[in-house]
């Protein structure tokens, strides 16, 4: 089971920055809100662009916070939560993020 998640910014203002999370980290939010787990100060990103959760022994990503869609959308145009697969690439605003499952 891959209980850890590694995020690497491969484009955008945080290019090269890496983040690691354990399944117990709780919801991971990405957005332009200073309260976001990963704060990206871009005008093309919603306050809460997307949320990543670990549940049912798998990692999932969904647009916004799950209660409604972000105004700017998350690339691959998420309308439902999507199970994260190895090396998934996600675009949020001008930023591109690589998601990698690790043990």
N, C-alpha and C. Protein backbone atom coordinates (compact mmCIF):
# COMPACT_ATOMS: atom_id res chain seq x y z
N UNK A 1 0.85 -1.18 0.00
CA UNK A 1 0.00 0.00 0.00
C UNK A 1 0.89 1.24 0.00
N UNK A 2 0.54 2.21 -0.82
CA UNK A 2 1.28 3.47 -0.92
C UNK A 2 0.58 4.49 -0.04
N UNK A 3 1.10 4.66 1.18
CA UNK A 3 0.44 5.53 2.15
C UNK A 3 1.00 6.95 2.17
N UNK A 4 2.01 7.21 1.35
CA UNK A 4 2.59 8.56 1.28
C UNK A 4 2.40 9.12 -0.12
N UNK A 5 2.38 10.44 -0.20
CA UNK A 5 2.19 11.12 -1.47
C UNK A 5 3.26 12.20 -1.59
N UNK A 6 3.92 12.24 -2.74
CA UNK A 6 4.92 13.27 -3.02
C UNK A 6 4.41 14.14 -4.15
N UNK A 7 4.46 15.45 -3.94
CA UNK A 7 4.05 16.41 -4.96
C UNK A 7 5.28 17.20 -5.38
N UNK A 8 5.46 17.37 -6.67
CA UNK A 8 6.57 18.18 -7.18
C UNK A 8 6.01 19.20 -8.16
N UNK A 9 6.34 20.45 -7.94
CA UNK A 9 5.92 21.52 -8.82
C UNK A 9 6.84 21.50 -10.04
N UNK A 10 6.27 21.23 -11.23
CA UNK A 10 7.11 21.13 -12.42
C UNK A 10 6.95 22.32 -13.36
N UNK A 11 6.05 23.24 -13.01
CA UNK A 11 5.89 24.48 -13.76
C UNK A 11 5.17 25.49 -12.87
N UNK A 12 5.39 26.77 -13.10
CA UNK A 12 4.71 27.79 -12.33
C UNK A 12 5.64 28.47 -11.34
N UNK A 13 5.07 29.32 -10.48
CA UNK A 13 5.90 30.14 -9.59
C UNK A 13 6.62 29.32 -8.50
N UNK A 14 6.15 28.12 -8.22
CA UNK A 14 6.82 27.28 -7.21
C UNK A 14 7.65 26.17 -7.85
N UNK A 15 8.01 26.31 -9.13
CA UNK A 15 8.72 25.26 -9.86
C UNK A 15 9.92 24.75 -9.05
N UNK A 16 10.05 23.41 -8.99
CA UNK A 16 11.13 22.77 -8.27
C UNK A 16 10.83 22.46 -6.81
N UNK A 17 9.81 23.09 -6.26
CA UNK A 17 9.46 22.85 -4.85
C UNK A 17 8.79 21.48 -4.73
N UNK A 18 9.11 20.76 -3.65
CA UNK A 18 8.55 19.43 -3.41
C UNK A 18 7.88 19.38 -2.05
N UNK A 19 6.82 18.60 -1.98
CA UNK A 19 6.04 18.42 -0.74
C UNK A 19 5.81 16.93 -0.53
N UNK A 20 5.83 16.49 0.72
CA UNK A 20 5.55 15.09 1.05
C UNK A 20 4.46 15.04 2.10
N UNK A 21 3.56 14.07 1.94
CA UNK A 21 2.45 13.92 2.86
C UNK A 21 2.25 12.45 3.21
N UNK A 22 1.84 12.21 4.45
CA UNK A 22 1.50 10.87 4.93
C UNK A 22 -0.02 10.77 4.95
N UNK A 23 -0.54 9.55 4.90
CA UNK A 23 -1.99 9.37 4.88
C UNK A 23 -2.69 10.02 6.06
N UNK A 24 -1.98 10.23 7.16
CA UNK A 24 -2.58 10.85 8.35
C UNK A 24 -2.51 12.37 8.31
N UNK A 25 -2.01 12.94 7.21
CA UNK A 25 -1.85 14.39 7.11
C UNK A 25 -3.17 15.15 7.11
N UNK A 26 -4.27 14.46 6.83
CA UNK A 26 -5.56 15.15 6.74
C UNK A 26 -5.72 15.74 5.35
N UNK A 27 -6.81 16.44 5.11
CA UNK A 27 -7.03 17.01 3.77
C UNK A 27 -5.89 17.96 3.39
N UNK A 28 -5.43 17.82 2.16
CA UNK A 28 -4.39 18.69 1.61
C UNK A 28 -5.09 19.63 0.63
N UNK A 29 -5.02 20.92 0.89
CA UNK A 29 -5.65 21.87 -0.01
C UNK A 29 -4.58 22.61 -0.81
N UNK A 30 -4.92 22.88 -2.06
CA UNK A 30 -4.05 23.65 -2.94
C UNK A 30 -4.86 24.84 -3.43
N UNK A 31 -4.32 26.05 -3.24
CA UNK A 31 -5.05 27.22 -3.69
C UNK A 31 -4.34 28.52 -3.36
N UNK A 32 -5.04 29.62 -3.63
CA UNK A 32 -4.44 30.93 -3.39
C UNK A 32 -4.77 31.50 -2.03
N UNK A 33 -5.54 30.75 -1.22
CA UNK A 33 -5.78 31.15 0.16
C UNK A 33 -4.51 30.91 0.98
N UNK A 34 -4.19 31.85 1.84
CA UNK A 34 -3.02 31.66 2.69
C UNK A 34 -3.23 30.52 3.69
N UNK A 35 -4.47 30.05 3.82
CA UNK A 35 -4.77 28.91 4.69
C UNK A 35 -4.59 27.57 3.99
N UNK A 36 -4.30 27.59 2.69
CA UNK A 36 -4.10 26.36 1.92
C UNK A 36 -2.85 25.63 2.40
N UNK A 37 -2.88 24.31 2.33
CA UNK A 37 -1.70 23.51 2.66
C UNK A 37 -0.56 23.90 1.71
N UNK A 38 -0.90 24.01 0.42
CA UNK A 38 0.06 24.49 -0.57
C UNK A 38 -0.50 25.79 -1.14
N UNK A 39 0.12 26.89 -0.74
CA UNK A 39 -0.30 28.23 -1.14
C UNK A 39 0.39 28.61 -2.44
N UNK A 40 -0.41 28.91 -3.47
CA UNK A 40 0.12 29.35 -4.75
C UNK A 40 -0.50 30.71 -5.05
N UNK A 41 0.30 31.73 -5.04
CA UNK A 41 -0.20 33.09 -5.21
C UNK A 41 -0.30 33.45 -6.69
N UNK A 42 -1.31 32.89 -7.34
CA UNK A 42 -1.60 33.16 -8.76
C UNK A 42 -3.05 33.60 -8.88
N UNK A 43 -3.29 34.63 -9.69
CA UNK A 43 -4.65 35.13 -9.86
C UNK A 43 -5.55 34.15 -10.61
N UNK A 44 -4.96 33.18 -11.31
CA UNK A 44 -5.75 32.21 -12.08
C UNK A 44 -6.17 31.00 -11.26
N UNK A 45 -5.86 31.02 -9.97
CA UNK A 45 -6.19 29.90 -9.08
C UNK A 45 -7.25 30.34 -8.08
N UNK A 46 -8.20 29.46 -7.81
CA UNK A 46 -9.23 29.73 -6.81
C UNK A 46 -8.63 29.69 -5.41
N UNK A 47 -9.35 30.25 -4.44
CA UNK A 47 -8.85 30.20 -3.06
C UNK A 47 -8.60 28.76 -2.64
N UNK A 48 -9.53 27.88 -2.93
CA UNK A 48 -9.31 26.44 -2.76
C UNK A 48 -9.51 25.81 -4.12
N UNK A 49 -8.41 25.56 -4.82
CA UNK A 49 -8.47 25.04 -6.19
C UNK A 49 -8.82 23.56 -6.19
N UNK A 50 -8.13 22.80 -5.32
CA UNK A 50 -8.43 21.36 -5.24
C UNK A 50 -8.03 20.84 -3.86
N UNK A 51 -8.57 19.67 -3.54
CA UNK A 51 -8.31 19.03 -2.26
C UNK A 51 -7.90 17.59 -2.52
N UNK A 52 -6.91 17.13 -1.76
CA UNK A 52 -6.42 15.75 -1.85
C UNK A 52 -6.68 15.09 -0.50
N UNK A 53 -7.26 13.90 -0.54
CA UNK A 53 -7.58 13.14 0.68
C UNK A 53 -7.12 11.70 0.54
N UNK A 54 -6.82 11.08 1.68
CA UNK A 54 -6.53 9.65 1.74
C UNK A 54 -7.71 8.98 2.41
N UNK A 55 -8.39 8.11 1.68
CA UNK A 55 -9.52 7.37 2.25
C UNK A 55 -9.66 6.04 1.55
N UNK A 56 -10.18 5.09 2.26
CA UNK A 56 -10.33 3.73 1.74
C UNK A 56 -9.01 3.20 1.18
N UNK A 57 -7.91 3.55 1.89
CA UNK A 57 -6.56 3.10 1.55
C UNK A 57 -6.07 3.58 0.19
N UNK A 58 -6.64 4.68 -0.32
CA UNK A 58 -6.21 5.25 -1.59
C UNK A 58 -6.21 6.77 -1.48
N UNK A 59 -5.40 7.42 -2.34
CA UNK A 59 -5.36 8.88 -2.44
C UNK A 59 -6.34 9.34 -3.52
N UNK A 60 -7.07 10.43 -3.23
CA UNK A 60 -8.04 10.98 -4.18
C UNK A 60 -7.84 12.49 -4.29
N UNK A 61 -8.12 13.03 -5.48
CA UNK A 61 -8.09 14.47 -5.70
C UNK A 61 -9.45 14.90 -6.23
N UNK A 62 -9.91 16.07 -5.77
CA UNK A 62 -11.17 16.61 -6.27
C UNK A 62 -11.07 18.11 -6.41
N UNK A 63 -11.83 18.64 -7.35
CA UNK A 63 -11.86 20.07 -7.58
C UNK A 63 -12.43 20.77 -6.35
N UNK A 64 -11.84 21.86 -5.96
CA UNK A 64 -12.26 22.69 -4.83
C UNK A 64 -12.18 21.92 -3.53
N UNK A 65 -13.23 22.01 -2.71
CA UNK A 65 -13.20 21.34 -1.42
C UNK A 65 -14.23 20.22 -1.33
N UNK A 66 -14.83 19.87 -2.46
CA UNK A 66 -15.81 18.79 -2.49
C UNK A 66 -17.23 19.26 -2.34
N UNK A 67 -17.43 20.48 -1.81
CA UNK A 67 -18.80 20.98 -1.64
C UNK A 67 -19.28 21.74 -2.87
N UNK A 68 -18.34 22.24 -3.67
CA UNK A 68 -18.67 22.91 -4.92
C UNK A 68 -17.41 22.98 -5.77
N UNK A 69 -17.57 23.28 -7.06
CA UNK A 69 -16.42 23.34 -7.95
C UNK A 69 -15.71 24.68 -7.82
N UNK A 70 -14.40 24.66 -8.05
CA UNK A 70 -13.66 25.92 -8.08
C UNK A 70 -14.10 26.70 -9.31
N UNK A 71 -13.98 28.00 -9.26
CA UNK A 71 -14.38 28.82 -10.40
C UNK A 71 -13.43 28.66 -11.57
N UNK A 72 -12.19 28.29 -11.31
CA UNK A 72 -11.19 28.20 -12.37
C UNK A 72 -10.97 26.79 -12.88
N UNK A 73 -11.55 25.79 -12.23
CA UNK A 73 -11.39 24.40 -12.67
C UNK A 73 -9.99 23.87 -12.43
N UNK A 74 -9.88 22.58 -12.31
CA UNK A 74 -8.60 21.91 -12.14
C UNK A 74 -8.40 21.07 -13.39
N UNK A 75 -7.25 21.20 -14.01
CA UNK A 75 -7.01 20.52 -15.28
C UNK A 75 -7.22 19.04 -15.14
N UNK A 76 -7.73 18.45 -16.11
CA UNK A 76 -8.42 17.20 -16.33
C UNK A 76 -9.87 17.42 -15.94
N UNK A 77 -10.21 18.70 -15.70
CA UNK A 77 -11.58 19.15 -15.47
C UNK A 77 -12.35 18.21 -14.56
N UNK A 78 -11.91 18.16 -13.34
CA UNK A 78 -12.52 17.29 -12.35
C UNK A 78 -13.93 17.75 -12.02
N UNK A 79 -14.86 16.85 -12.07
CA UNK A 79 -16.20 17.12 -11.58
C UNK A 79 -16.53 16.18 -10.43
N UNK A 80 -15.82 15.09 -10.34
CA UNK A 80 -15.95 14.14 -9.25
C UNK A 80 -14.54 13.88 -8.71
N UNK A 81 -14.47 13.24 -7.57
CA UNK A 81 -13.14 12.91 -7.09
C UNK A 81 -12.54 11.82 -7.97
N UNK A 82 -11.23 11.87 -8.12
CA UNK A 82 -10.51 10.95 -8.98
C UNK A 82 -9.42 10.28 -8.15
N UNK A 83 -9.32 8.95 -8.29
CA UNK A 83 -8.26 8.23 -7.59
C UNK A 83 -6.92 8.61 -8.22
N UNK A 84 -5.94 8.94 -7.38
CA UNK A 84 -4.63 9.33 -7.87
C UNK A 84 -3.86 8.08 -8.25
N UNK A 85 -3.38 8.08 -9.48
CA UNK A 85 -2.53 6.99 -9.97
C UNK A 85 -1.11 7.49 -10.04
N UNK A 86 -0.17 6.57 -10.08
CA UNK A 86 1.24 6.91 -10.08
C UNK A 86 1.58 7.92 -11.17
N UNK A 87 2.31 8.98 -10.79
CA UNK A 87 2.79 10.01 -11.70
C UNK A 87 1.68 10.79 -12.41
N UNK A 88 0.58 11.00 -11.72
CA UNK A 88 -0.51 11.82 -12.26
C UNK A 88 -0.02 13.26 -12.37
N UNK A 89 -0.32 13.91 -13.48
CA UNK A 89 0.03 15.32 -13.69
C UNK A 89 -1.26 16.13 -13.61
N UNK A 90 -1.23 17.18 -12.79
CA UNK A 90 -2.41 18.03 -12.58
C UNK A 90 -2.00 19.47 -12.84
N UNK A 91 -2.85 20.21 -13.52
CA UNK A 91 -2.60 21.63 -13.75
C UNK A 91 -3.60 22.44 -12.94
N UNK A 92 -3.08 23.40 -12.19
CA UNK A 92 -3.91 24.35 -11.44
C UNK A 92 -3.42 25.74 -11.80
N UNK A 93 -4.24 26.50 -12.50
CA UNK A 93 -3.80 27.80 -12.98
C UNK A 93 -2.63 27.63 -13.93
N UNK A 94 -1.55 28.35 -13.67
CA UNK A 94 -0.35 28.24 -14.49
C UNK A 94 0.62 27.19 -13.94
N UNK A 95 0.29 26.60 -12.82
CA UNK A 95 1.17 25.63 -12.17
C UNK A 95 0.84 24.21 -12.61
N UNK A 96 1.87 23.42 -12.79
CA UNK A 96 1.71 22.00 -13.12
C UNK A 96 2.38 21.20 -12.00
N UNK A 97 1.64 20.20 -11.51
CA UNK A 97 2.10 19.42 -10.35
C UNK A 97 2.14 17.95 -10.72
N UNK A 98 3.24 17.28 -10.36
CA UNK A 98 3.37 15.85 -10.51
C UNK A 98 3.04 15.21 -9.16
N UNK A 99 2.15 14.22 -9.16
CA UNK A 99 1.77 13.50 -7.95
C UNK A 99 2.33 12.08 -8.02
N UNK A 100 3.08 11.70 -7.02
CA UNK A 100 3.71 10.39 -7.01
C UNK A 100 3.37 9.66 -5.72
N UNK A 101 2.94 8.41 -5.85
CA UNK A 101 2.63 7.56 -4.69
C UNK A 101 3.91 6.91 -4.21
N UNK A 102 4.17 6.97 -2.89
CA UNK A 102 5.38 6.37 -2.33
C UNK A 102 5.01 5.59 -1.06
N UNK A 103 5.84 4.60 -0.72
CA UNK A 103 5.59 3.79 0.47
C UNK A 103 6.21 4.42 1.68
